[in-house]
Amino acid sequence: MSEREEKFEKMLKAILDQYDDVVSKMEKLKAEDKTKTVTYKQLMTTKLSLGNMLAMYKLYGLLEE
C-alpha cells in the first residue's frame, strides 16, 4: 500500500469514527429530550457534513458497503 493510500485509509477511519461518535451523542441527547438544544443542532450539522463526505466516498467506490 502506498503512503497516499495509507493516509486515505487513516482519514477515512477518522471520519467514520467521528460520525459514529456524533450519532452516539445525538442519541444520548434525544433520550434526554434535548433535541432543541444548540448542542444537538451543532451535532446534526456535523453529522450531515460527515454524511455528505461518506456519500461521496461511496459514489466513487472508495467506501465498502
N, C-alpha and C. Protein backbone atom coordinates (compact mmCIF):
# COMPACT_ATOMS: atom_id res chain seq x y z
N MET A 1 0.86 -1.17 0.00
CA MET A 1 0.00 0.00 0.00
C MET A 1 0.90 1.24 0.00
N SER A 2 0.57 2.19 -0.84
CA SER A 2 1.38 3.41 -0.92
C SER A 2 1.12 4.31 0.28
N GLU A 3 2.01 5.26 0.47
CA GLU A 3 1.85 6.21 1.57
C GLU A 3 0.55 7.00 1.42
N ARG A 4 0.22 7.34 0.19
CA ARG A 4 -1.02 8.08 -0.08
C ARG A 4 -2.23 7.25 0.30
N GLU A 5 -2.23 5.98 -0.06
CA GLU A 5 -3.34 5.10 0.29
C GLU A 5 -3.46 4.93 1.81
N GLU A 6 -2.34 4.84 2.48
CA GLU A 6 -2.36 4.73 3.93
C GLU A 6 -2.96 5.98 4.57
N LYS A 7 -2.60 7.13 4.04
CA LYS A 7 -3.15 8.39 4.55
C LYS A 7 -4.66 8.46 4.32
N PHE A 8 -5.08 7.99 3.14
CA PHE A 8 -6.52 7.97 2.83
C PHE A 8 -7.26 7.07 3.81
N GLU A 9 -6.72 5.88 4.04
CA GLU A 9 -7.37 4.94 4.95
C GLU A 9 -7.44 5.51 6.37
N LYS A 10 -6.39 6.20 6.79
CA LYS A 10 -6.37 6.82 8.11
C LYS A 10 -7.44 7.91 8.20
N MET A 11 -7.55 8.72 7.15
CA MET A 11 -8.54 9.78 7.13
C MET A 11 -9.96 9.20 7.13
N LEU A 12 -10.19 8.19 6.32
CA LEU A 12 -11.50 7.55 6.25
C LEU A 12 -11.90 6.98 7.61
N LYS A 13 -10.96 6.32 8.29
CA LYS A 13 -11.25 5.77 9.61
C LYS A 13 -11.61 6.88 10.59
N ALA A 14 -10.89 7.99 10.53
CA ALA A 14 -11.18 9.12 11.42
C ALA A 14 -12.57 9.67 11.17
N ILE A 15 -12.98 9.77 9.91
CA ILE A 15 -14.31 10.28 9.58
C ILE A 15 -15.38 9.31 10.06
N LEU A 16 -15.17 8.03 9.84
CA LEU A 16 -16.15 7.03 10.30
C LEU A 16 -16.26 7.04 11.82
N ASP A 17 -15.13 7.14 12.50
CA ASP A 17 -15.15 7.18 13.97
C ASP A 17 -15.87 8.43 14.48
N GLN A 18 -15.58 9.56 13.85
CA GLN A 18 -16.22 10.81 14.26
C GLN A 18 -17.72 10.74 14.01
N TYR A 19 -18.13 10.18 12.87
CA TYR A 19 -19.55 10.04 12.54
C TYR A 19 -20.25 9.20 13.61
N ASP A 20 -19.65 8.07 13.97
CA ASP A 20 -20.24 7.20 14.99
C ASP A 20 -20.34 7.92 16.34
N ASP A 21 -19.31 8.69 16.68
CA ASP A 21 -19.31 9.43 17.93
C ASP A 21 -20.43 10.47 17.95
N VAL A 22 -20.60 11.18 16.85
CA VAL A 22 -21.65 12.20 16.75
C VAL A 22 -23.03 11.55 16.89
N VAL A 23 -23.24 10.45 16.20
CA VAL A 23 -24.53 9.76 16.26
C VAL A 23 -24.81 9.30 17.69
N SER A 24 -23.80 8.79 18.35
CA SER A 24 -23.95 8.35 19.74
C SER A 24 -24.35 9.51 20.66
N LYS A 25 -23.68 10.63 20.50
CA LYS A 25 -24.00 11.81 21.33
C LYS A 25 -25.42 12.30 21.04
N MET A 26 -25.82 12.26 19.77
CA MET A 26 -27.17 12.69 19.41
C MET A 26 -28.22 11.77 20.02
N GLU A 27 -27.96 10.47 20.00
CA GLU A 27 -28.90 9.52 20.58
C GLU A 27 -29.05 9.76 22.08
N LYS A 28 -27.95 10.07 22.75
CA LYS A 28 -28.00 10.36 24.19
C LYS A 28 -28.84 11.60 24.45
N LEU A 29 -28.61 12.65 23.69
CA LEU A 29 -29.39 13.88 23.86
C LEU A 29 -30.87 13.65 23.55
N LYS A 30 -31.13 12.84 22.53
CA LYS A 30 -32.52 12.54 22.17
C LYS A 30 -33.21 11.80 23.31
N ALA A 31 -32.51 10.87 23.93
CA ALA A 31 -33.07 10.11 25.05
C ALA A 31 -33.37 11.03 26.23
N GLU A 32 -32.62 12.12 26.34
CA GLU A 32 -32.82 13.09 27.42
C GLU A 32 -33.79 14.21 27.00
N ASP A 33 -34.42 14.03 25.83
CA ASP A 33 -35.36 15.00 25.28
C ASP A 33 -34.74 16.39 25.13
N LYS A 34 -33.52 16.40 24.60
CA LYS A 34 -32.79 17.66 24.40
C LYS A 34 -32.50 17.90 22.92
N THR A 35 -33.50 17.61 22.09
CA THR A 35 -33.30 17.77 20.66
C THR A 35 -33.42 19.21 20.18
N LYS A 36 -33.82 20.11 21.04
CA LYS A 36 -33.95 21.51 20.64
C LYS A 36 -32.78 22.35 21.14
N THR A 37 -31.77 21.70 21.69
CA THR A 37 -30.62 22.44 22.20
C THR A 37 -29.66 22.81 21.08
N VAL A 38 -28.85 23.81 21.34
CA VAL A 38 -27.84 24.24 20.37
C VAL A 38 -26.85 23.11 20.12
N THR A 39 -26.48 22.40 21.17
CA THR A 39 -25.53 21.29 21.03
C THR A 39 -26.07 20.24 20.08
N TYR A 40 -27.34 19.88 20.22
CA TYR A 40 -27.94 18.89 19.33
C TYR A 40 -27.92 19.38 17.89
N LYS A 41 -28.25 20.64 17.70
CA LYS A 41 -28.27 21.21 16.35
C LYS A 41 -26.88 21.25 15.74
N GLN A 42 -25.87 21.55 16.55
CA GLN A 42 -24.50 21.54 16.06
C GLN A 42 -24.07 20.12 15.68
N LEU A 43 -24.46 19.17 16.50
CA LEU A 43 -24.15 17.78 16.18
C LEU A 43 -24.84 17.34 14.89
N MET A 44 -26.08 17.80 14.68
CA MET A 44 -26.80 17.47 13.45
C MET A 44 -26.07 18.02 12.24
N THR A 45 -25.58 19.24 12.35
CA THR A 45 -24.83 19.85 11.25
C THR A 45 -23.56 19.04 10.95
N THR A 46 -22.87 18.66 11.99
CA THR A 46 -21.65 17.85 11.83
C THR A 46 -21.98 16.51 11.20
N LYS A 47 -23.06 15.89 11.66
CA LYS A 47 -23.47 14.60 11.11
C LYS A 47 -23.78 14.71 9.62
N LEU A 48 -24.47 15.76 9.24
CA LEU A 48 -24.80 15.95 7.83
C LEU A 48 -23.54 16.16 6.99
N SER A 49 -22.61 16.95 7.50
CA SER A 49 -21.36 17.20 6.78
C SER A 49 -20.56 15.90 6.60
N LEU A 50 -20.42 15.17 7.68
CA LEU A 50 -19.68 13.90 7.60
C LEU A 50 -20.41 12.90 6.70
N GLY A 51 -21.73 12.89 6.79
CA GLY A 51 -22.53 12.01 5.94
C GLY A 51 -22.35 12.33 4.47
N ASN A 52 -22.26 13.62 4.14
CA ASN A 52 -22.02 14.01 2.75
C ASN A 52 -20.65 13.54 2.27
N MET A 53 -19.66 13.64 3.13
CA MET A 53 -18.32 13.16 2.76
C MET A 53 -18.35 11.66 2.51
N LEU A 54 -19.00 10.93 3.41
CA LEU A 54 -19.09 9.47 3.25
C LEU A 54 -19.88 9.10 1.99
N ALA A 55 -20.89 9.87 1.66
CA ALA A 55 -21.67 9.61 0.45
C ALA A 55 -20.81 9.78 -0.80
N MET A 56 -19.94 10.78 -0.79
CA MET A 56 -19.03 10.97 -1.93
C MET A 56 -18.06 9.80 -2.05
N TYR A 57 -17.55 9.31 -0.92
CA TYR A 57 -16.66 8.15 -0.95
C TYR A 57 -17.38 6.95 -1.54
N LYS A 58 -18.63 6.75 -1.15
CA LYS A 58 -19.42 5.64 -1.70
C LYS A 58 -19.64 5.82 -3.20
N LEU A 59 -19.96 7.04 -3.59
CA LEU A 59 -20.22 7.33 -5.00
C LEU A 59 -19.03 6.96 -5.88
N TYR A 60 -17.83 7.20 -5.38
CA TYR A 60 -16.63 6.92 -6.15
C TYR A 60 -16.04 5.56 -5.84
N GLY A 61 -16.78 4.73 -5.12
CA GLY A 61 -16.34 3.36 -4.86
C GLY A 61 -15.19 3.27 -3.87
N LEU A 62 -15.01 4.28 -3.04
CA LEU A 62 -13.90 4.29 -2.09
C LEU A 62 -14.31 3.80 -0.71
N LEU A 63 -15.58 3.53 -0.54
CA LEU A 63 -16.08 3.08 0.77
C LEU A 63 -16.84 1.78 0.57
N GLU A 64 -16.41 0.76 1.30
CA GLU A 64 -17.10 -0.52 1.21
C GLU A 64 -18.44 -0.44 1.90
N GLU A 65 -19.41 -1.05 1.33
CA GLU A 65 -20.77 -1.03 1.88
C GLU A 65 -20.87 -1.84 3.14
